[in-house]
């Protein structure tokens, strides 16, 4: 494929606020849908570069959410069997997000949302000099060992308590879910991390222009994702 089409794909992909489907990209570049799907995944592969995932600090909000439809509404052949515990989460994929106020977001797809799992993810991605804001979910109880922990009680309809709130990460979840529902409609658990990386990068580069975002992604492209690896 000509290099110009790769540059066009990168420009279109990075400048759309909610992404672009492989069908639409195929029409824009005059290539097959299969090629467009591969192009998009190779671009997402670049988003996994460490340059896009610096440790968070200052005031950081942490929260978890679930992506996908319930298995109760699916045909047996469509039920999500890739999850570690599909019955517990009703077939939805658990995702953990950490967002620095005024800064970046980091999203991790996980097999469960138990205390040990969340503790490992948060301590690896958030500086221990930070103030951590979380809801009353019991898995965050031990976080006060590492952080200045602030809690908010959503079950009591408490959404703001001084500086304690999780509205920033909730806003990101809204963008992520609307993008998946409106543009991609459905994503598999296998590729979900790539899609969350895509939306994270768009959020993290929101303060720079389209040209700067294009150059940022292009300059951090390392490695190569083969089609055989992608569909394995």
Protein backbone atom coordinates (compact mmCIF):
# COMPACT_ATOMS: atom_id res chain seq x y z
CA UNK A 1 0.00 0.00 0.00
CA UNK A 2 1.42 3.44 -0.90
CA UNK A 3 2.93 5.43 1.95
CA UNK A 4 0.57 8.32 1.19
CA UNK A 5 -2.40 6.11 2.10
CA UNK A 6 -0.77 5.20 5.42
CA UNK A 7 -0.33 8.90 6.17
CA UNK A 8 -3.93 9.59 5.16
CA UNK A 9 -5.13 6.73 7.38
CA UNK A 10 -3.13 8.04 10.35
CA UNK A 11 -4.43 11.58 9.82
CA UNK A 12 -8.07 10.50 9.51
CA UNK A 13 -7.85 8.04 12.39
CA UNK A 14 -6.18 10.44 14.82
CA UNK A 15 -8.30 13.47 13.99
CA UNK A 16 -11.76 11.88 14.34
CA UNK A 17 -13.06 12.49 17.86
CA UNK A 18 -14.69 9.06 18.21
CA UNK A 19 -12.70 6.97 15.76
CA UNK A 20 -13.58 5.65 12.32
CA UNK A 21 -14.87 2.25 11.24
CA UNK A 22 -12.90 0.02 8.89
CA UNK A 23 -15.79 0.19 6.38
CA UNK A 24 -15.62 3.99 6.25
CA UNK A 25 -11.84 4.07 6.07
CA UNK A 26 -11.92 1.55 3.23
CA UNK A 27 -14.16 3.93 1.24
CA UNK A 28 -12.00 6.95 2.06
CA UNK A 29 -8.75 5.25 0.98
CA UNK A 30 -10.22 3.09 -1.81
CA UNK A 31 -8.94 -0.15 -0.28
CA UNK A 32 -10.68 -3.31 0.93
CA UNK A 33 -12.37 -3.46 4.33
CA UNK A 34 -10.00 -6.22 5.40
CA UNK A 35 -6.98 -4.02 4.61
CA UNK A 36 -8.56 -1.05 6.39
CA UNK A 37 -9.21 -3.18 9.50
CA UNK A 38 -5.57 -4.29 9.50
CA UNK A 39 -4.36 -0.70 9.04
CA UNK A 40 -6.43 0.50 12.00
CA UNK A 41 -5.12 -2.24 14.27
CA UNK A 42 -1.52 -1.52 13.26
CA UNK A 43 -2.07 2.13 14.18
CA UNK A 44 -3.60 1.13 17.52
CA UNK A 45 -0.58 -1.11 18.10
CA UNK A 46 1.59 2.03 18.04
CA UNK A 47 -0.57 3.58 20.77
CA UNK A 48 0.76 0.98 23.22
CA UNK A 49 4.15 2.70 23.23
CA UNK A 50 5.44 3.65 26.75
CA UNK A 51 5.75 7.28 25.63
CA UNK A 52 1.97 7.51 25.87
CA UNK A 53 1.78 6.02 29.38
CA UNK A 54 3.79 8.18 31.78
CA UNK A 55 3.03 7.68 35.48
CA UNK A 56 0.17 9.83 36.82
CA UNK A 57 0.47 12.23 39.77
CA UNK A 58 -1.12 15.11 41.72
CA UNK A 59 -4.86 14.35 42.12
CA UNK A 60 -5.80 11.06 40.43
CA UNK A 61 -9.29 9.56 40.14
CA UNK A 62 -9.66 5.80 39.84
CA UNK A 63 -12.77 3.87 38.84
CA UNK A 64 -13.85 0.66 37.15
CA UNK A 65 -16.50 0.00 34.53
CA UNK A 66 -17.78 -2.80 32.31
CA UNK A 67 -17.77 -2.87 28.51
CA UNK A 68 -20.13 -4.90 26.33
CA UNK A 69 -23.63 -6.30 26.48
CA UNK A 70 -24.94 -8.78 29.00
CA UNK A 71 -24.71 -12.47 28.13
CA UNK A 72 -28.37 -12.77 29.10
CA UNK A 73 -29.25 -10.97 25.86
CA UNK A 74 -26.96 -13.01 23.58
CA UNK A 75 -27.26 -16.19 21.59
CA UNK A 76 -25.25 -19.05 23.08
CA UNK A 77 -22.67 -18.85 20.28
CA UNK A 78 -22.13 -15.13 20.96
CA UNK A 79 -21.63 -15.36 24.71
CA UNK A 80 -18.32 -14.07 25.98
CA UNK A 81 -16.17 -17.05 26.88
CA UNK A 82 -12.87 -15.12 26.82
CA UNK A 83 -13.35 -13.65 30.29
CA UNK A 84 -11.77 -15.20 33.37
CA UNK A 85 -15.15 -15.31 35.13
CA UNK A 86 -17.92 -14.63 32.57
CA UNK A 87 -20.78 -15.56 34.91
CA UNK A 88 -19.68 -13.15 37.65
CA UNK A 89 -19.63 -10.16 35.28
CA UNK A 90 -22.53 -11.37 33.10
CA UNK A 91 -20.25 -11.51 30.06
CA UNK A 92 -19.11 -7.89 30.29
CA UNK A 93 -15.41 -7.06 30.29
CA UNK A 94 -14.10 -5.23 33.40
CA UNK A 95 -11.93 -2.18 32.76
CA UNK A 96 -10.00 0.01 35.23
CA UNK A 97 -9.27 3.67 34.57
CA UNK A 98 -6.98 6.18 36.29
CA UNK A 99 -7.09 9.85 35.33
CA UNK A 100 -5.01 12.78 36.51
CA UNK A 101 -7.07 15.95 36.80
CA UNK A 102 -6.01 18.25 34.01
CA UNK A 103 -3.66 15.52 32.74
CA UNK A 104 -3.67 12.08 31.18
CA UNK A 105 -5.71 8.92 31.50
CA UNK A 106 -4.51 5.30 31.64
CA UNK A 107 -6.95 2.44 31.02
CA UNK A 108 -6.31 -1.24 31.69
CA UNK A 109 -8.48 -4.20 30.69
CA UNK A 110 -8.46 -6.77 33.50
CA UNK A 111 -9.76 -10.25 34.20
CA UNK A 112 -11.33 -9.23 37.52
CA UNK A 113 -11.72 -6.22 39.80
CA UNK A 114 -10.53 -7.82 43.04
CA UNK A 115 -8.47 -5.85 45.55
CA UNK A 116 -5.12 -7.40 44.62
CA UNK A 117 -5.65 -6.72 40.93
CA UNK A 118 -6.62 -3.08 41.41
CA UNK A 119 -3.86 -2.49 43.94
CA UNK A 120 -1.21 -3.75 41.52
CA UNK A 121 -2.51 -1.68 38.60
CA UNK A 122 -2.88 1.55 40.57
CA UNK A 123 0.50 1.38 42.32
CA UNK A 124 2.25 0.67 39.00
CA UNK A 125 0.66 3.64 37.23
CA UNK A 126 0.11 6.30 39.91
CA UNK A 127 2.86 8.05 41.86
CA UNK A 128 2.63 7.41 45.61
CA UNK A 129 2.94 11.16 46.27
CA UNK A 130 -0.50 11.57 44.70
CA UNK A 131 -3.92 12.13 46.20
CA UNK A 132 -6.13 9.24 45.11
CA UNK A 133 -9.89 9.67 44.79
CA UNK A 134 -12.13 6.60 44.64
CA UNK A 135 -15.66 5.50 45.46
CA UNK A 136 -16.60 3.21 48.34
CA UNK A 137 -15.89 -0.04 46.49
CA UNK A 138 -14.18 -2.32 49.04
CA UNK A 139 -11.27 -3.15 46.71
CA UNK A 140 -9.90 0.36 47.32
CA UNK A 141 -9.85 0.03 51.12
CA UNK A 142 -6.13 -0.76 51.29
CA UNK A 143 -5.09 2.09 49.00
CA UNK A 144 -4.61 4.36 52.03
CA UNK A 145 -1.36 2.46 52.66
CA UNK A 146 0.13 4.09 49.57
CA UNK A 147 -1.84 7.29 48.96
CA UNK A 148 -3.68 10.18 50.55
CA UNK A 149 -7.02 8.48 49.88
CA UNK A 150 -10.28 10.39 49.47
CA UNK A 151 -13.58 8.53 49.15
CA UNK A 152 -16.97 9.39 47.72
CA UNK A 153 -20.14 7.44 48.54
CA UNK A 154 -22.26 7.01 45.42
CA UNK A 155 -24.64 4.61 47.20
CA UNK A 156 -25.67 7.51 49.46
CA UNK A 157 -26.10 9.73 46.36
CA UNK A 158 -22.96 11.65 47.30
CA UNK A 159 -21.15 12.76 44.16
CA UNK A 160 -18.98 15.66 45.36
CA UNK A 161 -17.36 16.20 48.76
CA UNK A 162 -15.02 19.15 48.52
CA UNK A 163 -12.28 18.11 46.12
CA UNK A 164 -13.36 14.45 46.26
CA UNK A 165 -15.28 13.31 43.19
CA UNK A 166 -14.88 10.92 40.26
CA UNK A 167 -16.64 13.07 37.68
CA UNK A 168 -13.56 13.32 35.44
CA UNK A 169 -13.12 9.58 34.97
CA UNK A 170 -16.90 9.16 34.63
CA UNK A 171 -16.78 11.67 31.77
CA UNK A 172 -14.07 9.64 30.06
CA UNK A 173 -16.12 6.44 30.43
CA UNK A 174 -18.97 8.25 28.69
CA UNK A 175 -16.74 9.17 25.74
CA UNK A 176 -15.33 5.64 25.51
CA UNK A 177 -18.70 3.91 25.55
CA UNK A 178 -20.33 6.31 23.13
CA UNK A 179 -17.42 5.86 20.75
CA UNK A 180 -17.60 2.07 20.89
CA UNK A 181 -21.40 1.99 20.62
CA UNK A 182 -21.67 4.65 17.91
CA UNK A 183 -18.68 3.85 15.69
CA UNK A 184 -17.57 0.26 16.30
CA UNK A 185 -20.83 -1.13 17.76
CA UNK A 186 -19.01 -4.13 19.25
CA UNK A 187 -15.43 -5.05 20.18
CA UNK A 188 -14.05 -8.39 21.34
CA UNK A 189 -12.30 -8.88 24.68
CA UNK A 190 -9.19 -9.89 22.73
CA UNK A 191 -8.87 -6.45 21.10
CA UNK A 192 -10.51 -4.32 23.81
CA UNK A 193 -7.19 -3.06 25.22
CA UNK A 194 -6.26 -1.72 21.78
CA UNK A 195 -9.51 0.21 21.54
CA UNK A 196 -9.13 1.68 25.04
CA UNK A 197 -5.56 2.72 24.12
CA UNK A 198 -6.99 4.47 21.08
CA UNK A 199 -9.49 6.52 23.09
CA UNK A 200 -6.90 7.19 25.80
CA UNK A 201 -4.48 8.69 23.28
CA UNK A 202 -7.17 10.95 21.85
CA UNK A 203 -7.96 12.17 25.36
CA UNK A 204 -4.29 12.61 26.28
CA UNK A 205 -3.59 14.64 23.14
CA UNK A 206 -6.67 16.84 23.44
CA UNK A 207 -4.63 19.98 24.14
CA UNK A 208 -2.53 19.80 20.97
CA UNK A 209 -3.47 20.39 17.35
CA UNK A 210 -4.11 17.80 14.64
CA UNK A 211 -0.66 18.27 13.07
CA UNK A 212 1.11 17.88 16.42
CA UNK A 213 -0.93 14.75 17.21
CA UNK A 214 -0.04 13.27 13.80
CA UNK A 215 3.68 13.90 14.39
CA UNK A 216 3.48 12.56 17.96
CA UNK A 217 2.01 9.22 16.86
CA UNK A 218 4.26 8.91 13.82
CA UNK A 219 7.42 9.55 15.84
CA UNK A 220 6.54 6.84 18.38
CA UNK A 221 5.75 4.03 15.97
CA UNK A 222 7.96 1.08 16.86
CA UNK A 223 7.69 -2.62 16.13
CA UNK A 224 5.44 -4.31 13.63
CA UNK A 225 2.16 -6.15 14.06
CA UNK A 226 1.67 -8.91 11.49
CA UNK A 227 -1.75 -10.06 10.29
CA UNK A 228 -0.96 -13.57 11.55
CA UNK A 229 -0.32 -12.25 15.08
CA UNK A 230 -3.42 -10.07 14.96
CA UNK A 231 -5.86 -12.88 14.19
CA UNK A 232 -4.10 -15.60 16.23
